[in-house]
Protein backbone atom coordinates (compact mmCIF):
# COMPACT_ATOMS: atom_id res chain seq x y z
CA UNK A 1 -29.30 -38.76 9.66
CA UNK A 2 -32.00 -36.08 9.91
CA UNK A 3 -31.77 -33.04 7.65
CA UNK A 4 -30.56 -29.86 9.32
CA UNK A 5 -33.28 -27.37 10.15
CA UNK A 6 -32.99 -23.90 8.55
CA UNK A 7 -32.44 -22.26 11.94
CA UNK A 8 -29.57 -24.69 12.62
CA UNK A 9 -27.76 -23.78 9.43
CA UNK A 10 -27.37 -20.24 10.70
CA UNK A 11 -27.86 -16.88 9.10
CA UNK A 12 -25.39 -14.03 9.25
CA UNK A 13 -27.04 -10.77 8.20
CA UNK A 14 -24.91 -8.31 6.19
CA UNK A 15 -23.25 -5.62 8.34
CA UNK A 16 -22.33 -2.12 7.20
CA UNK A 17 -19.50 -1.93 9.74
CA UNK A 18 -17.11 -4.67 10.78
CA UNK A 19 -17.76 -5.73 14.37
CA UNK A 20 -15.39 -6.71 17.19
CA UNK A 21 -13.02 -3.72 16.99
CA UNK A 22 -11.77 -2.26 20.26
CA UNK A 23 -11.32 1.19 18.73
CA UNK A 24 -12.83 2.44 15.48
CA UNK A 25 -11.80 5.35 13.28
CA UNK A 26 -12.77 8.17 15.67
CA UNK A 27 -12.19 6.49 19.05
CA UNK A 28 -8.75 6.38 20.61
CA UNK A 29 -6.78 4.16 23.00
CA UNK A 30 -4.83 5.76 25.85
CA UNK A 31 -1.92 7.97 24.82
CA UNK A 32 0.68 5.44 25.95
CA UNK A 33 -0.94 2.62 24.02
CA UNK A 34 -1.53 4.86 20.98
CA UNK A 35 2.16 5.84 20.88
CA UNK A 36 3.24 2.18 21.04
CA UNK A 37 0.76 1.23 18.31
CA UNK A 38 1.93 4.18 16.20
CA UNK A 39 5.54 3.03 16.55
CA UNK A 40 4.44 -0.43 15.40
CA UNK A 41 2.93 1.04 12.23
CA UNK A 42 6.15 3.02 11.68
CA UNK A 43 8.28 -0.13 11.94
CA UNK A 44 6.01 -1.90 9.43
CA UNK A 45 6.28 0.97 6.94
CA UNK A 46 10.09 0.61 6.90
CA UNK A 47 9.93 -2.51 4.72
CA UNK A 48 8.77 -0.68 1.59
CA UNK A 49 10.64 2.54 2.45
CA UNK A 50 13.96 0.66 2.43
CA UNK A 51 13.49 -1.98 -0.27
CA UNK A 52 12.42 0.39 -3.10
CA UNK A 53 15.52 2.65 -2.83
CA UNK A 54 17.68 -0.46 -2.29
CA UNK A 55 16.45 -1.85 -5.62
CA UNK A 56 16.60 1.37 -7.64
CA UNK A 57 19.43 3.59 -6.35
CA UNK A 58 22.31 1.17 -7.21
CA UNK A 59 20.89 0.77 -10.74
CA UNK A 60 20.92 4.56 -11.08
CA UNK A 61 24.62 4.69 -10.18
CA UNK A 62 24.09 5.81 -6.58
CA UNK A 63 26.25 4.95 -3.57
CA UNK A 64 25.24 3.79 -0.08
CA UNK A 65 25.24 7.46 0.98
CA UNK A 66 22.80 8.25 -1.83
CA UNK A 67 20.61 5.30 -0.83
CA UNK A 68 20.42 6.48 2.78
CA UNK A 69 19.41 9.99 1.67
CA UNK A 70 16.68 8.58 -0.56
CA UNK A 71 15.36 6.32 2.25
CA UNK A 72 15.29 9.30 4.62
CA UNK A 73 13.49 11.43 2.03
CA UNK A 74 10.93 8.72 1.25
CA UNK A 75 10.18 8.25 4.97
CA UNK A 76 9.93 12.02 5.50
CA UNK A 77 7.42 12.46 2.65
CA UNK A 78 5.53 9.33 3.75
CA UNK A 79 5.03 10.97 7.13
CA UNK A 80 3.85 14.25 5.61
CA UNK A 81 1.50 12.56 3.11
CA UNK A 82 0.05 10.35 5.85
CA UNK A 83 -0.65 13.34 8.11
CA UNK A 84 -2.26 15.29 5.27
CA UNK A 85 -4.41 12.33 4.16
CA UNK A 86 -5.68 11.58 7.68
CA UNK A 87 -6.44 15.26 8.35
CA UNK A 88 -7.76 16.60 5.05
CA UNK A 89 -8.07 13.65 2.62
CA UNK A 90 -10.29 10.63 3.14
CA UNK A 91 -9.54 10.90 6.90
CA UNK A 92 -9.21 7.11 6.96
CA UNK A 93 -6.38 5.58 9.06
CA UNK A 94 -4.10 4.90 6.09
CA UNK A 95 -0.35 5.25 5.65
CA UNK A 96 0.56 6.83 2.28
CA UNK A 97 3.92 5.29 1.37
CA UNK A 98 6.13 4.38 -1.57
CA UNK A 99 4.58 2.37 -4.39
CA UNK A 100 5.88 -0.53 -6.48
CA UNK A 101 3.40 0.46 -9.21
CA UNK A 102 5.94 3.04 -10.45
CA UNK A 103 8.72 0.50 -11.00
CA UNK A 104 8.11 -0.09 -14.74
CA UNK A 105 8.33 3.56 -15.90
CA UNK A 106 11.15 4.30 -13.43
CA UNK A 107 13.25 1.38 -14.69
CA UNK A 108 12.50 2.58 -18.22
CA UNK A 109 13.91 6.01 -17.31
CA UNK A 110 16.99 4.38 -15.71
CA UNK A 111 17.65 2.50 -18.99
CA UNK A 112 17.14 5.59 -21.17
CA UNK A 113 20.05 5.83 -23.60
CA UNK A 114 20.66 9.50 -22.82
CA UNK A 115 21.31 8.56 -19.18
CA UNK A 116 23.14 5.23 -19.52
CA UNK A 117 25.88 6.88 -21.61
CA UNK A 118 26.89 9.15 -18.70
CA UNK A 119 30.26 7.79 -17.55
CA UNK A 120 30.45 9.26 -14.04
CA UNK A 121 28.20 7.20 -11.72
CA UNK A 122 27.35 10.08 -9.40
CA UNK A 123 26.36 12.34 -12.30
CA UNK A 124 24.29 9.51 -13.80
CA UNK A 125 22.51 9.08 -10.46
CA UNK A 126 21.72 12.80 -10.20
CA UNK A 127 20.54 13.12 -13.81
CA UNK A 128 18.37 9.98 -13.49
CA UNK A 129 16.86 11.23 -10.24
CA UNK A 130 16.06 14.60 -11.84
CA UNK A 131 14.39 12.85 -14.80
CA UNK A 132 12.27 10.74 -12.41
CA UNK A 133 11.35 13.89 -10.46
CA UNK A 134 10.21 15.68 -13.59
CA UNK A 135 8.04 12.74 -14.69
CA UNK A 136 6.44 12.50 -11.24
CA UNK A 137 5.71 16.24 -11.09
CA UNK A 138 3.95 16.22 -14.47
CA UNK A 139 2.06 12.94 -13.97
CA UNK A 140 0.79 13.93 -10.51
CA UNK A 141 -1.68 16.19 -12.34
CA UNK A 142 -3.73 13.09 -13.23
CA UNK A 143 -4.77 12.42 -9.63
CA UNK A 144 -5.01 16.11 -8.76
CA UNK A 145 -7.43 16.76 -11.63
CA UNK A 146 -9.47 13.56 -11.21
CA UNK A 147 -9.68 14.14 -7.46
CA UNK A 148 -10.45 17.83 -7.05
CA UNK A 149 -12.75 17.97 -10.11
CA UNK A 150 -14.80 15.11 -8.55
CA UNK A 151 -14.41 13.15 -11.82
CA UNK A 152 -13.19 10.07 -9.92
CA UNK A 153 -16.22 10.34 -7.65
CA UNK A 154 -18.45 10.35 -10.73
CA UNK A 155 -16.60 7.30 -12.11
CA UNK A 156 -17.07 5.52 -8.79
CA UNK A 157 -20.84 5.57 -9.36
CA UNK A 158 -20.27 2.68 -11.77
CA UNK A 159 -18.78 0.60 -8.94
CA UNK A 160 -20.93 -1.88 -7.04
CA UNK A 161 -20.13 -4.23 -4.14
CA UNK A 162 -19.82 -7.02 -6.71
CA UNK A 163 -17.41 -4.99 -8.84
CA UNK A 164 -15.30 -4.04 -5.82
CA UNK A 165 -14.83 -7.64 -4.63
CA UNK A 166 -12.09 -8.50 -7.20
CA UNK A 167 -10.43 -5.08 -6.88
CA UNK A 168 -10.10 -5.04 -3.08
CA UNK A 169 -9.27 -8.76 -2.94
CA UNK A 170 -6.44 -8.41 -5.46
CA UNK A 171 -5.04 -5.40 -3.61
CA UNK A 172 -4.03 -8.15 -1.15
CA UNK A 173 -3.82 -11.34 -3.23
CA UNK A 174 -1.98 -9.53 -6.03
CA UNK A 175 1.03 -9.01 -3.74
CA UNK A 176 1.68 -12.74 -3.25
CA UNK A 177 5.15 -12.39 -4.83
CA UNK A 178 6.18 -10.24 -1.87
CA UNK A 179 5.10 -12.92 0.62
CA UNK A 180 6.47 -16.45 0.85
CA UNK A 181 8.63 -16.22 -2.32
CA UNK A 182 10.69 -13.67 -0.35
CA UNK A 183 10.46 -15.63 2.91
CA UNK A 184 12.06 -18.68 1.23
CA UNK A 185 15.19 -16.62 0.50
CA UNK A 186 16.05 -16.95 4.19
CA UNK A 187 13.76 -19.48 5.87
CA UNK A 188 16.00 -19.41 8.97
CA UNK A 189 14.49 -16.06 9.98
CA UNK A 190 11.40 -15.81 7.72
CA UNK A 191 9.62 -18.94 8.88
CA UNK A 192 10.08 -18.28 12.64
CA UNK A 193 8.67 -14.78 12.11
CA UNK A 194 5.58 -16.11 10.34
CA UNK A 195 4.92 -18.83 12.94
CA UNK A 196 5.54 -16.48 15.89
CA UNK A 197 3.33 -13.75 14.46
CA UNK A 198 0.40 -16.10 13.87
CA UNK A 199 0.82 -17.66 17.32
CA UNK A 200 0.92 -14.33 19.17
CA UNK A 201 -1.81 -12.55 17.21
CA UNK A 202 -4.28 -15.45 17.05
CA UNK A 203 -3.65 -18.31 19.46
CA UNK A 204 -2.39 -16.23 22.41
CA UNK A 205 -4.53 -13.14 21.83
CA UNK A 206 -6.64 -13.70 24.95
CA UNK A 207 -3.68 -13.20 27.31
CA UNK A 208 -4.29 -9.91 29.10
CA UNK A 209 -2.01 -7.49 30.92
CA UNK A 210 -3.97 -4.92 32.93
CA UNK A 211 -7.05 -5.80 30.85
CA UNK A 212 -5.18 -5.17 27.57
CA UNK A 213 -4.68 -8.05 25.05
CA UNK A 214 -1.00 -7.19 24.88
CA UNK A 215 0.10 -10.07 22.63
CA UNK A 216 -2.61 -9.43 20.04
CA UNK A 217 -2.05 -5.68 19.81
CA UNK A 218 1.74 -5.77 19.75
CA UNK A 219 2.31 -9.16 18.12
CA UNK A 220 4.04 -7.59 15.12
CA UNK A 221 6.42 -5.52 17.25
CA UNK A 222 7.23 -8.48 19.51
CA UNK A 223 7.75 -10.88 16.58
CA UNK A 224 10.03 -8.51 14.67
CA UNK A 225 12.06 -7.63 17.81
CA UNK A 226 12.61 -11.28 18.79
CA UNK A 227 13.51 -12.53 15.30
CA UNK A 228 15.66 -9.47 14.56
CA UNK A 229 17.65 -10.19 17.73
CA UNK A 230 17.87 -13.87 16.71
CA UNK A 231 19.08 -12.86 13.22
CA UNK A 232 21.69 -10.56 14.75
CA UNK A 233 22.98 -13.40 16.94
CA UNK A 234 23.23 -15.65 13.86
CA UNK A 235 25.05 -12.89 11.98
CA UNK A 236 27.51 -12.19 14.82
CA UNK A 237 28.23 -15.89 15.36
CA UNK A 238 29.16 -16.38 11.69
CA UNK A 239 26.25 -18.68 10.85
CA UNK A 240 25.97 -17.18 7.36
CA UNK A 241 29.72 -16.79 6.74
CA UNK A 242 29.91 -19.58 4.16
CA UNK A 243 26.47 -19.01 2.61
CA UNK A 244 25.91 -17.65 -0.88
CA UNK A 245 25.96 -13.91 -1.48
CA UNK A 246 22.18 -13.89 -2.00
CA UNK A 247 21.55 -15.71 1.30
CA UNK A 248 23.83 -13.35 3.19
CA UNK A 249 22.06 -10.33 1.70
CA UNK A 250 18.64 -11.64 2.80
CA UNK A 251 19.67 -13.04 6.20
CA UNK A 252 22.39 -10.88 7.70
CA UNK A 253 21.57 -7.76 9.70
CA UNK A 254 24.71 -5.87 8.63
CA UNK A 255 24.29 -5.90 4.85
CA UNK A 256 22.08 -2.85 4.36
CA UNK A 257 25.03 -0.45 4.99
CA UNK A 258 22.56 2.11 6.28
CA UNK A 259 23.82 2.87 9.80
CA UNK A 260 27.41 3.65 8.80
CA UNK A 261 26.27 5.83 5.87
CA UNK A 262 23.51 7.74 7.67
CA UNK A 263 24.17 11.26 9.01
CA UNK A 264 23.19 12.05 12.58
CA UNK A 265 20.78 14.81 11.60
CA UNK A 266 19.54 15.76 8.14
CA UNK A 267 16.33 17.46 7.01
CA UNK A 268 15.21 16.60 3.44
CA UNK A 269 14.27 19.63 1.35
CA UNK A 270 12.74 20.29 -2.10
CA UNK A 271 15.03 20.11 -5.16
CA UNK A 272 17.84 18.65 -3.04
CA UNK A 273 19.10 16.70 -6.08
CA UNK A 274 18.99 19.74 -8.37
CA UNK A 275 16.40 21.10 -10.79
CA UNK A 276 14.11 18.39 -12.27
CA UNK A 277 14.30 17.69 -15.99
CA UNK A 278 11.22 17.12 -18.11
CA UNK A 279 10.64 14.74 -21.01
CA UNK A 280 7.23 14.25 -22.61
CA UNK A 281 7.67 10.51 -23.26
CA UNK A 282 8.85 9.79 -19.72
CA UNK A 283 5.99 11.84 -18.26
CA UNK A 284 3.35 10.06 -20.35
CA UNK A 285 4.76 6.69 -19.27
CA UNK A 286 4.66 7.74 -15.60
CA UNK A 287 0.98 8.70 -15.95
CA UNK A 288 0.11 5.01 -16.31
CA UNK A 289 1.70 4.34 -12.90
CA UNK A 290 -0.25 7.25 -11.39
CA UNK A 291 -3.46 5.74 -12.81
CA UNK A 292 -2.57 2.31 -11.35
CA UNK A 293 -1.80 3.94 -7.98
CA UNK A 294 -5.23 5.61 -8.16
CA UNK A 295 -7.03 2.27 -8.63
CA UNK A 296 -4.97 0.39 -6.03
CA UNK A 297 -5.55 3.18 -3.51
CA UNK A 298 -9.30 3.13 -4.20
CA UNK A 299 -9.40 -0.56 -3.30
CA UNK A 300 -7.21 0.02 -0.25
CA UNK A 301 -9.45 2.88 0.97
CA UNK A 302 -12.48 0.58 0.75
CA UNK A 303 -10.62 -2.03 2.81
CA UNK A 304 -9.36 0.54 5.34
CA UNK A 305 -12.87 1.89 5.88
CA UNK A 306 -14.09 -1.60 6.73
CA UNK A 307 -11.11 -2.34 8.99
CA UNK A 308 -11.63 0.99 10.78
CA UNK A 309 -15.26 0.00 11.43
CA UNK A 310 -16.43 2.93 9.29
CA UNK A 311 -18.93 3.16 6.46
CA UNK A 312 -17.64 3.04 2.84
CA UNK A 313 -16.23 6.47 1.89
CA UNK A 314 -18.75 8.52 -0.16
CA UNK A 315 -17.77 9.57 -3.69
CA UNK A 316 -16.97 13.12 -2.54
CA UNK A 317 -14.63 11.86 0.20
CA UNK A 318 -12.93 9.36 -2.13
CA UNK A 319 -12.26 12.11 -4.68
CA UNK A 320 -10.94 14.40 -1.96
CA UNK A 321 -8.50 11.72 -0.87
CA UNK A 322 -7.32 11.08 -4.43
CA UNK A 323 -6.75 14.81 -4.92
CA UNK A 324 -4.53 14.98 -1.84
CA UNK A 325 -2.76 11.81 -2.95
CA UNK A 326 -1.94 13.62 -6.20
CA UNK A 327 -0.44 16.45 -4.12
CA UNK A 328 1.58 13.72 -2.37
CA UNK A 329 3.01 12.49 -5.68
CA UNK A 330 3.85 16.11 -6.53
CA UNK A 331 5.81 16.27 -3.25
CA UNK A 332 7.53 12.98 -4.18
CA UNK A 333 8.70 14.70 -7.36
CA UNK A 334 9.79 17.91 -5.67
CA UNK A 335 11.76 16.18 -2.88
CA UNK A 336 13.07 13.24 -4.95
CA UNK A 337 11.81 10.06 -3.27
CA UNK A 338 12.60 7.93 -6.39
CA UNK A 339 9.00 6.64 -6.54
CA UNK A 340 5.38 7.78 -6.26
CA UNK A 341 2.89 7.25 -3.43
CA UNK A 342 -0.03 4.97 -2.76
CA UNK A 343 -1.86 3.52 0.25
CA UNK A 344 0.34 1.10 2.20
CA UNK A 345 -1.53 -2.22 2.02
CA UNK A 346 0.45 -3.81 4.86
CA UNK A 347 -0.54 -1.03 7.27
CA UNK A 348 -4.19 -1.47 6.27
CA UNK A 349 -3.86 -5.16 7.14
CA UNK A 350 -2.36 -4.27 10.52
CA UNK A 351 -5.57 -2.42 11.41
CA UNK A 352 -7.37 -5.77 11.20
CA UNK A 353 -4.66 -7.76 12.95
CA UNK A 354 -4.66 -5.45 15.99
CA UNK A 355 -8.41 -4.68 15.81
CA UNK A 356 -7.46 -1.01 16.27
CA UNK A 357 -8.77 1.27 13.52
CA UNK A 358 -7.99 4.55 15.28
CA UNK A 359 -7.03 7.53 13.11
CA UNK A 360 -4.90 8.97 15.92
CA UNK A 361 -2.62 5.91 15.93
CA UNK A 362 -1.76 6.45 12.25
CA UNK A 363 -1.15 10.15 12.82
CA UNK A 364 1.29 9.27 15.61
CA UNK A 365 3.06 6.83 13.28
CA UNK A 366 3.44 9.69 10.77
CA UNK A 367 5.14 11.67 13.54
CA UNK A 368 7.61 8.82 14.06
CA UNK A 369 8.35 8.71 10.31
CA UNK A 370 9.18 12.41 10.19
CA UNK A 371 11.19 12.30 13.45
CA UNK A 372 13.36 9.29 12.57
CA UNK A 373 13.88 10.45 8.97
CA UNK A 374 15.54 13.57 10.39
CA UNK A 375 17.55 11.69 13.06
CA UNK A 376 19.37 9.56 10.49
CA UNK A 377 21.41 7.20 12.69
CA UNK A 378 18.43 6.12 14.82
CA UNK A 379 16.19 5.68 11.79
CA UNK A 380 18.88 3.67 10.00
CA UNK A 381 19.12 1.31 12.99
CA UNK A 382 15.47 0.27 12.61
CA UNK A 383 15.76 0.29 8.81
CA UNK A 384 18.46 -2.40 8.98
CA UNK A 385 15.82 -5.07 9.76
CA UNK A 386 16.14 -7.75 7.01
CA UNK A 387 13.34 -7.50 4.45
CA UNK A 388 12.68 -11.25 4.87
CA UNK A 389 11.18 -10.50 8.29
CA UNK A 390 8.76 -8.01 6.75
CA UNK A 391 7.85 -10.49 3.99
CA UNK A 392 6.84 -13.02 6.67
CA UNK A 393 4.31 -10.68 8.28
CA UNK A 394 3.10 -9.61 4.81
CA UNK A 395 1.84 -13.18 4.37
CA UNK A 396 -0.71 -12.47 7.11
CA UNK A 397 -1.43 -8.77 6.50
CA UNK A 398 -1.98 -9.00 2.74
CA UNK A 399 -4.25 -11.98 3.36
CA UNK A 400 -6.39 -9.95 5.77
CA UNK A 401 -6.87 -7.19 3.17
CA UNK A 402 -7.79 -9.76 0.52
CA UNK A 403 -10.35 -11.32 2.86
CA UNK A 404 -11.92 -7.89 3.45
CA UNK A 405 -12.49 -7.70 -0.30
CA UNK A 406 -14.22 -11.07 -0.25
CA UNK A 407 -16.43 -9.86 2.61
CA UNK A 408 -18.23 -7.52 0.17
CA UNK A 409 -19.84 -10.65 -1.28
CA UNK A 410 -22.25 -10.62 1.68
CA UNK A 411 -24.11 -7.71 0.04
CA UNK A 412 -24.56 -9.57 -3.26
CA UNK A 413 -26.47 -12.64 -4.44
CA UNK A 414 -23.90 -15.38 -4.91
CA UNK A 415 -26.60 -17.81 -6.03
CA UNK A 416 -26.68 -15.82 -9.29
CA UNK A 417 -24.73 -17.38 -12.16
CA UNK A 418 -24.13 -13.86 -13.50
CA UNK A 419 -22.40 -12.83 -10.29
CA UNK A 420 -20.38 -16.03 -10.10
CA UNK A 421 -19.19 -15.48 -13.68
CA UNK A 422 -18.14 -11.86 -13.09
CA UNK A 423 -16.40 -12.61 -9.78
CA UNK A 424 -14.55 -15.68 -11.02
CA UNK A 425 -13.43 -14.30 -14.38
CA UNK A 426 -12.26 -10.94 -13.02
CA UNK A 427 -10.28 -12.49 -10.15
CA UNK A 428 -8.73 -15.12 -12.43
CA UNK A 429 -7.74 -12.65 -15.14
CA UNK A 430 -6.59 -10.18 -12.48
CA UNK A 431 -4.05 -12.76 -11.35
CA UNK A 432 -3.32 -14.48 -14.67
CA UNK A 433 -2.60 -11.49 -16.93
CA UNK A 434 -0.06 -9.79 -14.59
CA UNK A 435 1.60 -13.17 -14.00
CA UNK A 436 1.99 -13.54 -17.79
CA UNK A 437 3.61 -10.10 -18.00
CA UNK A 438 5.93 -10.97 -15.11
CA UNK A 439 7.00 -14.38 -16.43
CA UNK A 440 7.40 -13.07 -20.01
CA UNK A 441 9.67 -10.28 -18.77
CA UNK A 442 11.83 -12.74 -16.82
CA UNK A 443 12.28 -15.09 -19.79
CA UNK A 444 12.59 -12.56 -22.63
CA UNK A 445 14.43 -9.84 -20.64
CA UNK A 446 11.88 -7.32 -21.87
CA UNK A 447 8.17 -6.80 -21.25
CA UNK A 448 5.48 -7.98 -23.72
CA UNK A 449 4.91 -4.45 -25.05
CA UNK A 450 8.24 -3.69 -26.73
CA UNK A 451 7.65 -1.17 -29.52
CA UNK A 452 9.75 1.83 -30.50
CA UNK A 453 7.37 4.10 -28.56
CA UNK A 454 8.71 3.89 -25.02
CA UNK A 455 5.79 5.76 -23.45
CA UNK A 456 3.33 3.31 -25.05
CA UNK A 457 5.34 0.35 -23.71
CA UNK A 458 5.28 1.84 -20.22
CA UNK A 459 1.51 2.40 -20.43
CA UNK A 460 0.69 -1.17 -21.43
CA UNK A 461 3.28 -2.90 -19.24
CA UNK A 462 2.38 -0.86 -16.13
CA UNK A 463 -1.40 -1.19 -16.38
CA UNK A 464 -1.46 -4.91 -17.17
CA UNK A 465 1.15 -5.75 -14.53
CA UNK A 466 -1.22 -4.57 -11.77
CA UNK A 467 -3.71 -7.20 -10.54
CA UNK A 468 -6.20 -4.70 -9.03
CA UNK A 469 -6.16 -2.60 -12.22
CA UNK A 470 -6.85 -5.58 -14.49
CA UNK A 471 -9.54 -6.77 -12.07
CA UNK A 472 -11.24 -3.36 -12.05
CA UNK A 473 -11.23 -3.10 -15.86
CA UNK A 474 -12.74 -6.57 -16.26
CA UNK A 475 -15.14 -6.49 -13.30
CA UNK A 476 -16.56 -3.00 -13.85
CA UNK A 477 -16.99 -3.59 -17.60
CA UNK A 478 -18.80 -6.92 -17.11
CA UNK A 479 -20.85 -5.65 -14.16
CA UNK A 480 -22.16 -2.67 -16.13
CA UNK A 481 -22.81 -4.43 -19.43
CA UNK A 482 -23.94 -7.97 -18.59
CA UNK A 483 -27.67 -8.42 -17.84
CA UNK A 484 -27.76 -5.12 -15.93
CA UNK A 485 -31.48 -4.36 -16.29
CA UNK A 486 -32.81 -6.55 -13.47
CA UNK A 487 -29.57 -7.16 -11.57
CA UNK A 488 -29.44 -4.14 -9.21
CA UNK A 489 -30.36 -6.14 -6.11
CA UNK A 490 -28.08 -9.03 -7.04
CA UNK A 491 -25.17 -6.59 -7.49
CA UNK A 492 -25.74 -5.14 -3.98
CA UNK A 493 -26.78 -1.68 -5.20
CA UNK A 494 -29.66 -1.12 -2.72
CA UNK A 495 -27.09 -1.34 0.10
CA UNK A 496 -24.37 0.59 -1.76
CA UNK A 497 -26.42 3.53 -3.04
CA UNK A 498 -26.87 5.27 0.32
CA UNK A 499 -23.12 5.55 0.75
CA UNK A 500 -22.61 7.34 -2.56
CA UNK A 501 -23.37 10.77 -1.13
CA UNK A 502 -22.13 12.40 2.07
CA UNK A 503 -25.64 12.96 3.40
CA UNK A 504 -26.87 9.52 2.33
CA UNK A 505 -26.03 8.07 5.75
CA UNK A 506 -25.90 9.95 9.06
CA UNK A 507 -22.69 8.19 10.12
CA UNK A 508 -20.70 9.76 7.27
CA UNK A 509 -20.57 13.07 9.09
CA UNK A 510 -19.08 11.39 12.16
CA UNK A 511 -16.36 9.61 10.16
CA UNK A 512 -15.46 11.95 7.30
CA UNK A 513 -16.12 15.57 8.33
CA UNK A 514 -13.04 17.78 7.93
CA UNK A 515 -11.35 19.11 11.11
CA UNK A 516 -11.24 22.75 12.24
CA UNK A 517 -14.78 23.25 10.89
CA UNK A 518 -13.40 23.34 7.32
CA UNK A 519 -16.63 21.88 5.94
CA UNK A 520 -18.00 25.43 6.02
CA UNK A 521 -15.62 26.31 3.18
CA UNK A 522 -15.67 22.93 1.41
CA UNK A 523 -19.27 21.69 1.76
CA UNK A 524 -19.66 17.98 0.95
CA UNK A 525 -21.86 16.92 -1.93
């Protein structure tokens, strides 16, 4: 057999912007289509908005009524933070929602001896919530200072395309525990959702209705609606009546107890749980989660820029976004959302699945979040979707974000043993170390760091339980210390350097300029 000619092998030149998107960051579909797409993003954001309070509020001593109020508050603040971030922050089409990165210090606060000894459950819930609020308010200063002082922008100058590959990839890959391990808890509804979503979004995407690829753009909404209806039929017919308690919780559509507990109309307001309480140890521990949120959001912003067909955000824009995200965590503390904020990875993945990177769509979704958080009964109806259904679509959406991270390899030299070493070791350790912390905690009933200093335990256990954070520490250290002298081109720096400053590329002004001519007062650097 004759050897393949070089021209037959094919060459795919690196591309600054991802191609094939119908609408990029600053182009918009029709209003009707944009509203439907915004509603789809709202539905997707419900998974995290419901599961975090469902995990934490009962452990704090709260009732179903308390859980509903927390879900409403979290959705309300998610909507506000998303609007602010898309208008004045990075301006990327990102949803800023609740974060699992805060779970370690929050659980530590819940188990604090001064709180566990409170006999009355409702009082214990209120006091725990106030302690969490105080820790969030203090720790939010980390992102506010790093963002508005431009310190994070300066730190980002040590990042290269090679160093960002493990970080962005593990923003997606690192969430594998929220994918099929959750789907298996109720394969009766999880597996059909996964199969249907892949079929509609990929195999049937060329079916058009009035020149619109309707199945591709609304595959998530259609899949969730069909399987939710199917799950409701199974629930009503008694299919899960004799199943285990765990199966019923994950499969039935009437186990969330949200609709019956939700008020018709309620507007969340600051300090609704009472005045926050402040403890130095709890605040220091929460700062580790804020730092992890900062790193995970940085990776997610890089992915969102690519999936919105925009250029990588310059250092000034990235810092601006982190500053506003810190303000968002401050709002979390003031309103009492029970957790801090970060970029919603699943909504970033949906940009790629729909091939719609429009900023307006995300702003409309923020409007839905605020609207349905106030109209409690209607919001609770949608929030009763079993989390297993969300986990099924996460399998696709997290994978898309991870693949975007791998796409940064096109700007590097992967025939370099140095680059192969850095990429492989940082991805492997980014998965392996957090998995060790997770498995150790399950077997020993406490995390690996278990000293008398609670804040120190929270620091270590939070940072090393985050795959993107571990990957960034390893990758950036190796990339800036290992054979750096002649490796600039191999690392992808000639391509990367022009996106460091706002004026380094003419397209930055189109994508990242502030609205209402605010750049006059806040000139980019």
